[in-house]
Amino acid sequence: MTTYRYYQSGDETQIVELWNLSLGRDPITSKRFRNLVLLDANFDPRGLRLAFEGEKLIGCVYAVRRLLPMYGTDLEPDNGWIPFFFVLSGVRRKGVGKKLMEDAVAFLKNEGRSNIFFSSYAPNYILPGIDAEAYPEAFAFLESQGFTRLYSPVAMDKSLLGYEISESVIALKRTRQEEGYTFSKAEDRDLYEVIHFANEKFNPDWGRAIREGILQGLPLDRILIARDNGQVVGFCMYGGYEGVPDRFGPFGVDPDQQGKGLGKILLSDCLQSMRAESLHTAWFLWTGEQTTAGHLYKKNGFEITRKFHVMKKIIDG
């Protein structure tokens, strides 16, 4: 007999165990689950829906909505997210996942949400979206539940073995410096400006990544900053997400300053700093393949390693 309820204290051990049985390409530790889910300021036990056969966990769908603004006062009152779901392989296609998803959607609907996204939840997303190659059944399941594809970000990796900054980038950097640009590693005096720049020019999640990374021990010299006559116009960093040193990003240049090679300079300096720490690889989870950043990465030796689909479901009132 299958029973359904939401999370209770003590369920986390079985959740992590079933996660690792079900999502073989993306295992998780108890520590990561604690940090990304249980300690998330937006966590509500009612959104973590569970299915059991007797005492054995056989399925999970997690729904979350914003209780704490990412930036300013915006709680995104129309939006909710499904960051992850999984069902034990032996009981799939028997209605367990469908029932769990219906309960998760009902939770978000009762909280006034009309747009549900898989899985572009910030700050604590596990993956940007569904990897249809790794989990074709899960992709088909989302489509069967009324989710449609919005866009398809990619993950990229680059080997740092033998990395050197090219002479052309060295010359370009010298030219920009002669024009009044500066490139430096962050100090305390830079923090307010670069966090504000990230929030205003790009995404509040980027400003959060800088702030929380530093609070969790991120060395300031892993943040590189470009300025134009004193004003912040770009930055990049590594090691800011979950303390993983070879995870690159976030990274951005003021759109008004693009076309001057500032991104190429920052990226090259950052990769050199990573190599100086004896890191062997630079990787990240999320960029648009056809964006300016995506093209820059590919020109600098990054290769696509995974592709995701961000999905959306609209709930009728």
Protein backbone atom coordinates (compact mmCIF):
# COMPACT_ATOMS: atom_id res chain seq x y z
CA MET A 1 0.00 0.00 0.00
CA THR A 2 1.39 3.40 -1.02
CA THR A 3 1.01 6.34 1.36
CA TYR A 4 1.76 9.99 0.65
CA ARG A 5 2.78 12.81 2.97
CA TYR A 6 5.20 15.69 3.23
CA TYR A 7 8.62 15.77 4.88
CA GLN A 8 9.04 14.99 8.55
CA SER A 9 12.21 15.13 10.63
CA GLY A 10 14.19 11.95 10.08
CA ASP A 11 13.20 11.45 6.43
CA GLU A 12 16.41 12.95 5.10
CA THR A 13 18.45 9.74 5.31
CA GLN A 14 16.05 7.83 3.05
CA ILE A 15 15.71 10.83 0.72
CA VAL A 16 19.47 10.95 0.13
CA GLU A 17 19.65 7.18 -0.31
CA LEU A 18 16.83 7.10 -2.87
CA TRP A 19 18.24 10.16 -4.62
CA ASN A 20 21.54 8.34 -5.16
CA LEU A 21 19.78 5.21 -6.39
CA SER A 22 17.62 7.18 -8.81
CA LEU A 23 19.81 10.03 -10.10
CA GLY A 24 23.00 8.17 -10.93
CA ARG A 25 24.55 11.01 -12.93
CA ASP A 26 24.03 13.48 -10.09
CA PRO A 27 24.58 11.91 -6.66
CA ILE A 28 24.36 14.00 -3.53
CA THR A 29 25.79 13.84 -0.01
CA SER A 30 23.90 14.36 3.22
CA LYS A 31 25.84 17.59 3.72
CA ARG A 32 24.85 18.99 0.31
CA PHE A 33 21.21 18.01 0.85
CA ARG A 34 21.27 19.72 4.24
CA ASN A 35 22.83 22.89 2.84
CA LEU A 36 20.83 23.15 -0.38
CA VAL A 37 17.43 22.07 0.95
CA LEU A 38 16.98 21.89 4.72
CA LEU A 39 18.96 25.09 5.44
CA ASP A 40 17.47 27.04 2.54
CA ALA A 41 15.60 30.04 3.92
CA ASN A 42 12.75 29.21 1.51
CA PHE A 43 12.40 25.58 2.63
CA ASP A 44 8.88 24.58 3.66
CA PRO A 45 8.38 20.92 4.68
CA ARG A 46 4.94 20.96 3.03
CA GLY A 47 6.61 21.32 -0.36
CA LEU A 48 8.77 18.21 0.00
CA ARG A 49 6.31 15.51 -1.01
CA LEU A 50 7.10 11.86 -0.28
CA ALA A 51 5.67 8.46 -1.19
CA PHE A 52 6.16 5.31 0.92
CA GLU A 53 5.48 1.61 0.64
CA GLY A 54 5.22 0.71 4.28
CA GLU A 55 8.23 2.40 5.86
CA LYS A 56 10.25 2.47 2.62
CA LEU A 57 10.56 5.71 0.66
CA ILE A 58 9.80 5.14 -3.04
CA GLY A 59 9.35 8.66 -4.44
CA CYS A 60 10.00 12.36 -3.87
CA VAL A 61 9.03 15.66 -5.50
CA TYR A 62 10.23 18.96 -4.08
CA ALA A 63 8.32 22.22 -4.54
CA VAL A 64 9.53 25.58 -3.24
CA ARG A 65 8.46 29.21 -3.39
CA ARG A 66 10.17 32.34 -2.19
CA LEU A 67 9.78 33.30 1.47
CA LEU A 68 12.87 35.50 1.47
CA PRO A 69 13.51 37.94 -1.39
CA MET A 70 16.57 37.29 -3.50
CA TYR A 71 17.06 41.05 -3.79
CA GLY A 72 15.10 44.04 -2.56
CA THR A 73 11.53 43.10 -1.67
CA ASP A 74 10.63 40.93 -4.67
CA LEU A 75 9.16 37.60 -3.55
CA GLU A 76 8.20 36.65 -7.12
CA PRO A 77 4.65 35.94 -5.92
CA ASP A 78 3.56 34.28 -9.18
CA ASN A 79 6.46 31.83 -9.35
CA GLY A 80 7.24 28.44 -7.85
CA TRP A 81 9.88 25.83 -8.63
CA ILE A 82 10.37 22.07 -8.74
CA PRO A 83 14.15 21.70 -8.20
CA PHE A 84 14.18 17.88 -8.23
CA PHE A 85 12.08 14.72 -8.27
CA PHE A 86 12.73 10.98 -8.42
CA VAL A 87 10.93 7.64 -8.06
CA LEU A 88 12.38 4.22 -7.30
CA SER A 89 12.98 2.44 -10.61
CA GLY A 90 10.84 -0.60 -9.76
CA VAL A 91 7.67 1.44 -9.15
CA ARG A 92 7.85 3.88 -12.06
CA ARG A 93 4.92 4.22 -14.47
CA LYS A 94 2.50 3.20 -11.72
CA GLY A 95 1.18 6.66 -10.86
CA VAL A 96 3.50 7.39 -7.93
CA GLY A 97 5.35 10.26 -9.63
CA LYS A 98 2.09 11.63 -11.04
CA LYS A 99 0.48 11.73 -7.58
CA LEU A 100 3.55 13.35 -6.02
CA MET A 101 3.72 15.97 -8.77
CA GLU A 102 0.02 16.72 -8.40
CA ASP A 103 0.52 17.23 -4.65
CA ALA A 104 3.53 19.48 -5.25
CA VAL A 105 1.66 21.55 -7.83
CA ALA A 106 -1.34 21.82 -5.48
CA PHE A 107 0.94 23.11 -2.75
CA LEU A 108 2.27 25.86 -5.02
CA LYS A 109 -1.19 26.67 -6.35
CA ASN A 110 -2.54 27.03 -2.81
CA GLU A 111 0.31 29.48 -2.18
CA GLY A 112 -0.90 31.62 -5.09
CA ARG A 113 1.66 30.50 -7.66
CA SER A 114 0.65 30.38 -11.32
CA ASN A 115 4.03 29.67 -12.97
CA ILE A 116 6.05 26.58 -12.06
CA PHE A 117 9.57 26.11 -13.33
CA PHE A 118 11.82 23.07 -13.51
CA SER A 119 14.36 23.67 -12.25
CA SER A 120 15.80 27.16 -12.53
CA TYR A 121 15.48 27.90 -8.82
CA ALA A 122 17.98 30.25 -7.24
CA PRO A 123 19.88 30.25 -5.03
CA ASN A 124 20.01 26.49 -4.46
CA TYR A 125 19.37 24.78 -7.76
CA ILE A 126 20.91 21.35 -8.19
CA LEU A 127 20.90 21.44 -12.00
CA PRO A 128 19.73 24.23 -14.33
CA GLY A 129 17.05 22.03 -15.91
CA ILE A 130 16.33 18.49 -17.01
CA ASP A 131 19.12 16.59 -18.76
CA ALA A 132 17.05 14.70 -21.33
CA GLU A 133 19.99 12.56 -22.41
CA ALA A 134 20.74 11.37 -18.88
CA TYR A 135 17.11 11.11 -17.78
CA PRO A 136 14.85 10.56 -20.81
CA GLU A 137 12.03 9.12 -18.69
CA ALA A 138 12.05 12.17 -16.44
CA PHE A 139 11.93 14.51 -19.44
CA ALA A 140 8.96 12.63 -20.91
CA PHE A 141 7.29 12.68 -17.48
CA LEU A 142 7.59 16.47 -17.21
CA GLU A 143 6.06 16.87 -20.66
CA SER A 144 3.22 14.53 -19.68
CA GLN A 145 2.57 16.74 -16.66
CA GLY A 146 2.13 19.86 -18.76
CA PHE A 147 5.65 21.31 -18.64
CA THR A 148 7.00 22.84 -21.83
CA ARG A 149 10.57 23.76 -22.73
CA LEU A 150 11.57 27.42 -22.30
CA TYR A 151 15.25 27.36 -23.23
CA SER A 152 18.24 25.03 -23.12
CA PRO A 153 21.37 26.11 -21.21
CA VAL A 154 24.58 24.10 -21.43
CA ALA A 155 27.34 23.09 -19.03
CA MET A 156 30.95 23.43 -20.15
CA ASP A 157 34.37 22.18 -19.04
CA LYS A 158 37.93 23.13 -19.93
CA SER A 159 41.16 21.32 -19.09
CA LEU A 160 43.72 23.65 -17.52
CA LEU A 161 46.70 21.36 -18.07
CA GLY A 162 49.34 23.37 -19.87
CA TYR A 163 47.21 26.54 -19.82
CA GLU A 164 49.01 29.80 -20.68
CA ILE A 165 47.69 33.25 -21.48
CA SER A 166 48.21 33.97 -25.16
CA GLU A 167 50.46 36.78 -26.36
CA SER A 168 47.47 38.41 -28.07
CA VAL A 169 45.59 38.65 -24.77
CA ILE A 170 48.66 40.02 -23.02
CA ALA A 171 48.93 42.71 -25.72
CA LEU A 172 45.20 43.45 -25.54
CA LYS A 173 45.37 43.85 -21.76
CA ARG A 174 48.29 46.27 -22.10
CA THR A 175 46.31 48.35 -24.60
CA ARG A 176 43.27 48.55 -22.34
CA GLN A 177 45.43 49.52 -19.38
CA GLU A 178 46.88 52.36 -21.41
CA GLU A 179 43.28 53.51 -22.00
CA GLY A 180 42.58 53.67 -18.25
CA TYR A 181 41.25 50.18 -17.54
CA THR A 182 42.53 48.25 -14.55
CA PHE A 183 42.40 44.54 -13.76
CA SER A 184 42.92 43.39 -10.21
CA LYS A 185 42.02 40.83 -7.58
CA ALA A 186 39.37 41.87 -5.09
CA GLU A 187 40.04 43.54 -1.77
CA ASP A 188 37.61 44.49 0.99
CA ARG A 189 37.18 47.95 -0.52
CA ASP A 190 35.84 46.42 -3.75
CA LEU A 191 33.11 44.24 -2.28
CA TYR A 192 30.16 46.63 -2.09
CA GLU A 193 30.72 47.88 -5.61
CA VAL A 194 31.16 44.49 -7.26
CA ILE A 195 28.15 42.98 -5.46
CA HIS A 196 26.02 45.99 -6.45
CA PHE A 197 27.32 45.70 -10.03
CA ALA A 198 26.42 42.00 -10.18
CA ASN A 199 22.93 42.63 -8.78
CA GLU A 200 22.09 45.56 -11.03
CA LYS A 201 23.73 44.56 -14.30
CA PHE A 202 23.05 40.83 -14.22
CA ASN A 203 21.24 38.74 -11.63
CA PRO A 204 20.72 39.03 -7.87
CA ASP A 205 21.85 35.42 -7.61
CA TRP A 206 25.29 36.55 -8.76
CA GLY A 207 25.55 39.15 -6.03
CA ARG A 208 24.40 36.52 -3.54
CA ALA A 209 27.04 34.09 -4.81
CA ILE A 210 29.77 36.65 -4.13
CA ARG A 211 28.47 37.56 -0.67
CA GLU A 212 27.77 34.03 0.52
CA GLY A 213 30.92 32.65 -1.03
CA ILE A 214 33.03 35.07 0.98
CA LEU A 215 31.06 34.37 4.16
CA GLN A 216 31.78 30.66 3.63
CA GLY A 217 35.50 31.25 3.23
CA LEU A 218 36.01 32.15 -0.44
CA PRO A 219 39.44 33.86 -0.71
CA LEU A 220 39.12 37.36 -2.13
CA ASP A 221 41.87 36.66 -4.65
CA ARG A 222 39.50 34.28 -6.43
CA ILE A 223 37.45 37.32 -7.50
CA LEU A 224 38.86 39.35 -10.41
CA ILE A 225 37.56 42.83 -11.21
CA ALA A 226 37.83 45.10 -14.25
CA ARG A 227 37.40 48.86 -13.86
CA ASP A 228 37.17 51.69 -16.37
CA ASN A 229 38.73 54.79 -14.82
CA GLY A 230 37.71 53.53 -11.40
CA GLN A 231 34.23 52.23 -12.19
CA VAL A 232 33.49 48.48 -12.04
CA VAL A 233 32.71 47.21 -15.55
CA GLY A 234 33.26 43.47 -15.16
CA PHE A 235 34.17 40.63 -12.85
CA CYS A 236 34.72 36.90 -12.75
CA MET A 237 35.33 34.43 -9.97
CA TYR A 238 35.78 30.78 -9.15
CA GLY A 239 35.20 28.62 -6.10
CA GLY A 240 32.12 30.56 -5.03
CA TYR A 241 29.50 27.82 -5.34
CA GLU A 242 29.52 25.28 -2.51
CA GLY A 243 33.23 25.89 -2.02
CA VAL A 244 34.18 23.84 -5.10
CA PRO A 245 37.42 25.51 -6.29
CA ASP A 246 37.31 24.42 -9.93
CA ARG A 247 33.74 25.59 -10.45
CA PHE A 248 34.01 28.76 -12.51
CA GLY A 249 31.64 31.71 -12.33
CA PRO A 250 29.72 33.87 -12.20
CA PHE A 251 31.32 36.04 -14.84
CA GLY A 252 30.06 39.16 -16.60
CA VAL A 253 31.04 42.38 -18.36
CA ASP A 254 28.86 45.48 -18.52
CA PRO A 255 26.88 45.23 -21.81
CA ASP A 256 27.88 48.83 -22.57
CA GLN A 257 31.54 47.76 -22.44
CA GLN A 258 31.33 44.65 -24.55
CA GLY A 259 33.33 44.44 -27.76
CA LYS A 260 36.54 45.64 -26.11
CA GLY A 261 37.88 42.24 -25.12
CA LEU A 262 37.40 42.82 -21.40
CA GLY A 263 35.72 39.43 -21.00
CA LYS A 264 38.60 37.73 -22.79
CA ILE A 265 41.08 39.41 -20.45
CA LEU A 266 39.14 38.56 -17.29
CA LEU A 267 38.59 34.99 -18.38
CA SER A 268 42.27 34.49 -19.24
CA ASP A 269 43.45 36.01 -15.95
CA CYS A 270 40.96 33.88 -14.04
CA LEU A 271 42.02 30.64 -15.75
CA GLN A 272 45.64 31.50 -15.06
CA SER A 273 44.84 32.02 -11.37
CA MET A 274 43.08 28.67 -11.28
CA ARG A 275 46.06 26.97 -12.88
CA ALA A 276 48.38 28.70 -10.40
CA GLU A 277 46.44 26.89 -7.66
CA SER A 278 47.19 23.61 -9.48
CA LEU A 279 43.56 23.15 -10.52
CA HIS A 280 43.22 20.81 -13.48
CA THR A 281 39.79 21.81 -14.78
CA ALA A 282 37.43 24.78 -14.98
CA TRP A 283 33.72 23.98 -15.28
CA PHE A 284 30.31 25.56 -14.88
CA LEU A 285 26.71 24.44 -15.17
CA TRP A 286 24.84 27.19 -16.95
CA THR A 287 25.27 29.42 -19.99
CA GLY A 288 23.43 30.01 -23.23
CA GLU A 289 25.20 28.18 -26.04
CA GLN A 290 24.54 30.98 -28.55
CA THR A 291 25.08 33.92 -26.19
CA THR A 292 28.10 36.24 -26.21
CA ALA A 293 29.44 34.39 -23.17
CA GLY A 294 28.83 31.02 -24.80
CA HIS A 295 30.81 32.01 -27.87
CA LEU A 296 33.63 33.40 -25.72
CA TYR A 297 33.89 30.17 -23.77
CA LYS A 298 34.05 28.05 -26.90
CA LYS A 299 36.71 30.28 -28.45
CA ASN A 300 38.77 29.78 -25.30
CA GLY A 301 38.67 26.01 -25.33
CA PHE A 302 35.60 25.19 -23.26
CA GLU A 303 33.62 22.20 -24.47
CA ILE A 304 29.94 21.45 -23.92
CA THR A 305 29.58 18.55 -21.50
CA ARG A 306 25.83 18.57 -20.77
CA LYS A 307 22.66 20.19 -22.07
CA PHE A 308 19.60 20.99 -19.97
CA HIS A 309 16.04 22.09 -20.66
CA VAL A 310 14.41 24.66 -18.40
CA MET A 311 10.71 23.74 -18.31
CA LYS A 312 7.59 25.70 -17.34
CA LYS A 313 4.04 24.80 -16.39
CA ILE A 314 1.26 27.38 -16.14
CA ILE A 315 -1.38 26.71 -13.51
CA ASP A 316 -4.90 27.83 -14.26
CA GLY A 317 -6.51 29.89 -11.53
